[in-house]
Amino acid sequence: MRALTTDAAAVAMRLPADAGRSFRLWEAILREHAHLLLRGDAEWPANQILLQLAVEHADDSPVTKVAEAGDGGV
């Protein structure tokens, strides 16, 4: 997971400002909650943990808005 967050931080630095800002929010969630995501199992998989974390991020957060929309932001 550390390699993933390190790679994500490197990518974020190369993105245009607005895309980088959104990407950094997701990277921060991955980094800050890696310990929870790594605990995923068949009963509560990591993707469900990530969705829960995204929904609870903040009311006006772009991360929460994408999670609540349920369409992957597309």
N, C-alpha and C. Protein backbone atom coordinates (compact mmCIF):
# COMPACT_ATOMS: atom_id res chain seq x y z
N MET A 1 0.83 -1.19 0.00
CA MET A 1 0.00 0.00 0.00
C MET A 1 0.87 1.25 0.00
N ARG A 2 2.01 1.18 0.65
CA ARG A 2 2.92 2.34 0.69
C ARG A 2 3.38 2.71 -0.71
N ALA A 3 3.70 1.71 -1.52
CA ALA A 3 4.14 1.99 -2.89
C ALA A 3 3.02 2.66 -3.68
N LEU A 4 1.79 2.21 -3.47
CA LEU A 4 0.65 2.79 -4.17
C LEU A 4 0.48 4.26 -3.81
N THR A 5 0.55 4.58 -2.53
CA THR A 5 0.37 5.98 -2.14
C THR A 5 1.55 6.84 -2.57
N THR A 6 2.75 6.28 -2.57
CA THR A 6 3.92 7.02 -3.05
C THR A 6 3.77 7.31 -4.53
N ASP A 7 3.35 6.32 -5.31
CA ASP A 7 3.12 6.52 -6.74
C ASP A 7 2.01 7.54 -6.97
N ALA A 8 0.94 7.48 -6.18
CA ALA A 8 -0.17 8.40 -6.33
C ALA A 8 0.28 9.83 -6.07
N ALA A 9 1.10 10.03 -5.06
CA ALA A 9 1.60 11.38 -4.77
C ALA A 9 2.44 11.90 -5.92
N ALA A 10 3.24 11.05 -6.53
CA ALA A 10 4.07 11.45 -7.67
C ALA A 10 3.20 11.83 -8.86
N VAL A 11 2.14 11.07 -9.10
CA VAL A 11 1.22 11.37 -10.21
C VAL A 11 0.52 12.70 -9.96
N ALA A 12 0.06 12.92 -8.75
CA ALA A 12 -0.67 14.15 -8.42
C ALA A 12 0.15 15.39 -8.72
N MET A 13 1.44 15.30 -8.52
CA MET A 13 2.31 16.46 -8.76
C MET A 13 2.40 16.80 -10.25
N ARG A 14 2.11 15.84 -11.13
CA ARG A 14 2.23 16.06 -12.58
C ARG A 14 0.92 16.49 -13.23
N LEU A 15 -0.17 16.44 -12.49
CA LEU A 15 -1.48 16.77 -13.06
C LEU A 15 -1.74 18.27 -13.07
N PRO A 16 -2.62 18.72 -13.96
CA PRO A 16 -3.05 20.13 -13.93
C PRO A 16 -3.67 20.44 -12.56
N ALA A 17 -3.67 21.70 -12.19
CA ALA A 17 -4.07 22.11 -10.84
C ALA A 17 -5.42 21.53 -10.39
N ASP A 18 -6.48 21.71 -11.17
CA ASP A 18 -7.80 21.25 -10.72
C ASP A 18 -7.89 19.73 -10.67
N ALA A 19 -7.32 19.04 -11.64
CA ALA A 19 -7.32 17.57 -11.61
C ALA A 19 -6.43 17.07 -10.48
N GLY A 20 -5.32 17.74 -10.27
CA GLY A 20 -4.42 17.36 -9.19
C GLY A 20 -5.05 17.50 -7.83
N ARG A 21 -5.85 18.53 -7.64
CA ARG A 21 -6.52 18.75 -6.36
C ARG A 21 -7.46 17.59 -6.03
N SER A 22 -8.27 17.19 -6.99
CA SER A 22 -9.19 16.08 -6.79
C SER A 22 -8.43 14.78 -6.56
N PHE A 23 -7.41 14.57 -7.37
CA PHE A 23 -6.61 13.36 -7.23
C PHE A 23 -5.96 13.29 -5.86
N ARG A 24 -5.46 14.44 -5.37
CA ARG A 24 -4.80 14.48 -4.05
C ARG A 24 -5.77 14.15 -2.92
N LEU A 25 -7.04 14.52 -3.08
CA LEU A 25 -8.03 14.15 -2.07
C LEU A 25 -8.14 12.63 -1.96
N TRP A 26 -8.24 11.97 -3.13
CA TRP A 26 -8.32 10.51 -3.13
C TRP A 26 -7.04 9.89 -2.59
N GLU A 27 -5.91 10.45 -2.97
CA GLU A 27 -4.62 9.93 -2.49
C GLU A 27 -4.52 10.06 -0.98
N ALA A 28 -5.02 11.16 -0.44
CA ALA A 28 -4.98 11.36 1.02
C ALA A 28 -5.84 10.33 1.73
N ILE A 29 -7.00 10.04 1.17
CA ILE A 29 -7.87 9.01 1.79
C ILE A 29 -7.17 7.67 1.79
N LEU A 30 -6.55 7.31 0.65
CA LEU A 30 -5.81 6.04 0.59
C LEU A 30 -4.69 6.00 1.61
N ARG A 31 -3.93 7.08 1.67
CA ARG A 31 -2.78 7.13 2.59
C ARG A 31 -3.21 7.10 4.05
N GLU A 32 -4.19 7.92 4.39
CA GLU A 32 -4.62 8.05 5.78
C GLU A 32 -5.36 6.82 6.30
N HIS A 33 -5.98 6.08 5.39
CA HIS A 33 -6.80 4.95 5.81
C HIS A 33 -6.29 3.61 5.29
N ALA A 34 -5.04 3.57 4.87
CA ALA A 34 -4.46 2.33 4.34
C ALA A 34 -4.61 1.19 5.33
N HIS A 35 -4.44 1.47 6.61
CA HIS A 35 -4.54 0.42 7.63
C HIS A 35 -5.93 -0.21 7.65
N LEU A 36 -6.95 0.56 7.36
CA LEU A 36 -8.32 0.01 7.29
C LEU A 36 -8.54 -0.76 6.00
N LEU A 37 -8.06 -0.21 4.90
CA LEU A 37 -8.24 -0.86 3.61
C LEU A 37 -7.54 -2.22 3.55
N LEU A 38 -6.40 -2.31 4.21
CA LEU A 38 -5.66 -3.58 4.24
C LEU A 38 -6.37 -4.65 5.05
N ARG A 39 -7.32 -4.27 5.87
CA ARG A 39 -8.08 -5.23 6.68
C ARG A 39 -9.27 -5.81 5.94
N GLY A 40 -9.49 -5.38 4.71
CA GLY A 40 -10.61 -5.89 3.94
C GLY A 40 -10.58 -7.40 3.84
N ASP A 41 -11.76 -8.00 3.88
CA ASP A 41 -11.88 -9.45 3.74
C ASP A 41 -13.15 -9.77 2.94
N ALA A 42 -13.52 -11.03 2.88
CA ALA A 42 -14.68 -11.44 2.08
C ALA A 42 -15.97 -10.82 2.61
N GLU A 43 -16.05 -10.64 3.91
CA GLU A 43 -17.27 -10.08 4.51
C GLU A 43 -17.36 -8.56 4.34
N TRP A 44 -16.24 -7.88 4.40
CA TRP A 44 -16.19 -6.42 4.28
C TRP A 44 -14.97 -6.07 3.43
N PRO A 45 -15.10 -6.20 2.09
CA PRO A 45 -13.96 -6.00 1.19
C PRO A 45 -13.48 -4.55 1.15
N ALA A 46 -12.25 -4.37 0.71
CA ALA A 46 -11.61 -3.06 0.68
C ALA A 46 -12.41 -2.05 -0.14
N ASN A 47 -13.05 -2.47 -1.23
CA ASN A 47 -13.81 -1.52 -2.03
C ASN A 47 -15.00 -0.97 -1.26
N GLN A 48 -15.62 -1.79 -0.40
CA GLN A 48 -16.73 -1.30 0.42
C GLN A 48 -16.22 -0.37 1.52
N ILE A 49 -15.06 -0.69 2.06
CA ILE A 49 -14.45 0.18 3.07
C ILE A 49 -14.15 1.54 2.45
N LEU A 50 -13.57 1.54 1.25
CA LEU A 50 -13.24 2.78 0.56
C LEU A 50 -14.50 3.60 0.27
N LEU A 51 -15.55 2.95 -0.17
CA LEU A 51 -16.81 3.64 -0.43
C LEU A 51 -17.34 4.28 0.85
N GLN A 52 -17.32 3.55 1.95
CA GLN A 52 -17.78 4.09 3.23
C GLN A 52 -16.94 5.30 3.65
N LEU A 53 -15.63 5.20 3.52
CA LEU A 53 -14.76 6.31 3.87
C LEU A 53 -15.04 7.53 2.99
N ALA A 54 -15.28 7.29 1.71
CA ALA A 54 -15.57 8.38 0.77
C ALA A 54 -16.88 9.07 1.12
N VAL A 55 -17.91 8.30 1.43
CA VAL A 55 -19.21 8.87 1.78
C VAL A 55 -19.10 9.72 3.03
N GLU A 56 -18.28 9.30 3.96
CA GLU A 56 -18.14 10.00 5.24
C GLU A 56 -17.09 11.11 5.21
N HIS A 57 -16.43 11.32 4.08
CA HIS A 57 -15.32 12.28 4.00
C HIS A 57 -15.74 13.68 4.46
N ALA A 58 -16.72 14.28 3.83
CA ALA A 58 -17.24 15.61 4.20
C ALA A 58 -18.44 15.90 3.31
N ASP A 59 -19.39 16.66 3.83
CA ASP A 59 -20.61 16.94 3.08
C ASP A 59 -20.35 17.58 1.72
N ASP A 60 -19.42 18.51 1.64
CA ASP A 60 -19.18 19.22 0.39
C ASP A 60 -17.94 18.73 -0.35
N SER A 61 -17.42 17.59 0.06
CA SER A 61 -16.21 17.05 -0.56
C SER A 61 -16.52 16.46 -1.93
N PRO A 62 -15.66 16.71 -2.92
CA PRO A 62 -15.85 16.08 -4.23
C PRO A 62 -15.79 14.55 -4.12
N VAL A 63 -15.01 14.06 -3.18
CA VAL A 63 -14.92 12.61 -2.96
C VAL A 63 -16.27 12.05 -2.52
N THR A 64 -16.91 12.73 -1.58
CA THR A 64 -18.22 12.30 -1.10
C THR A 64 -19.27 12.39 -2.20
N LYS A 65 -19.22 13.46 -2.98
CA LYS A 65 -20.19 13.62 -4.06
C LYS A 65 -20.09 12.49 -5.07
N VAL A 66 -18.88 12.08 -5.43
CA VAL A 66 -18.71 10.98 -6.37
C VAL A 66 -19.22 9.68 -5.75
N ALA A 67 -18.90 9.45 -4.49
CA ALA A 67 -19.33 8.22 -3.81
C ALA A 67 -20.85 8.16 -3.73
N GLU A 68 -21.48 9.26 -3.42
CA GLU A 68 -22.93 9.28 -3.30
C GLU A 68 -23.62 9.15 -4.65
N ALA A 69 -22.97 9.64 -5.71
CA ALA A 69 -23.54 9.54 -7.05
C ALA A 69 -23.56 8.09 -7.52
N GLY A 70 -22.58 7.32 -7.05
CA GLY A 70 -22.54 5.90 -7.38
C GLY A 70 -22.20 5.59 -8.81
N ASP A 71 -21.67 6.54 -9.53
CA ASP A 71 -21.36 6.30 -10.94
C ASP A 71 -19.88 6.41 -11.24
N GLY A 72 -19.05 6.45 -10.21
CA GLY A 72 -17.62 6.56 -10.41
C GLY A 72 -17.17 7.91 -10.91
N GLY A 73 -18.07 8.90 -10.84
CA GLY A 73 -17.71 10.25 -11.26
C GLY A 73 -17.78 10.47 -12.74
N VAL A 74 -18.38 9.54 -13.45
CA VAL A 74 -18.45 9.62 -14.91
C VAL A 74 -19.70 10.36 -15.32
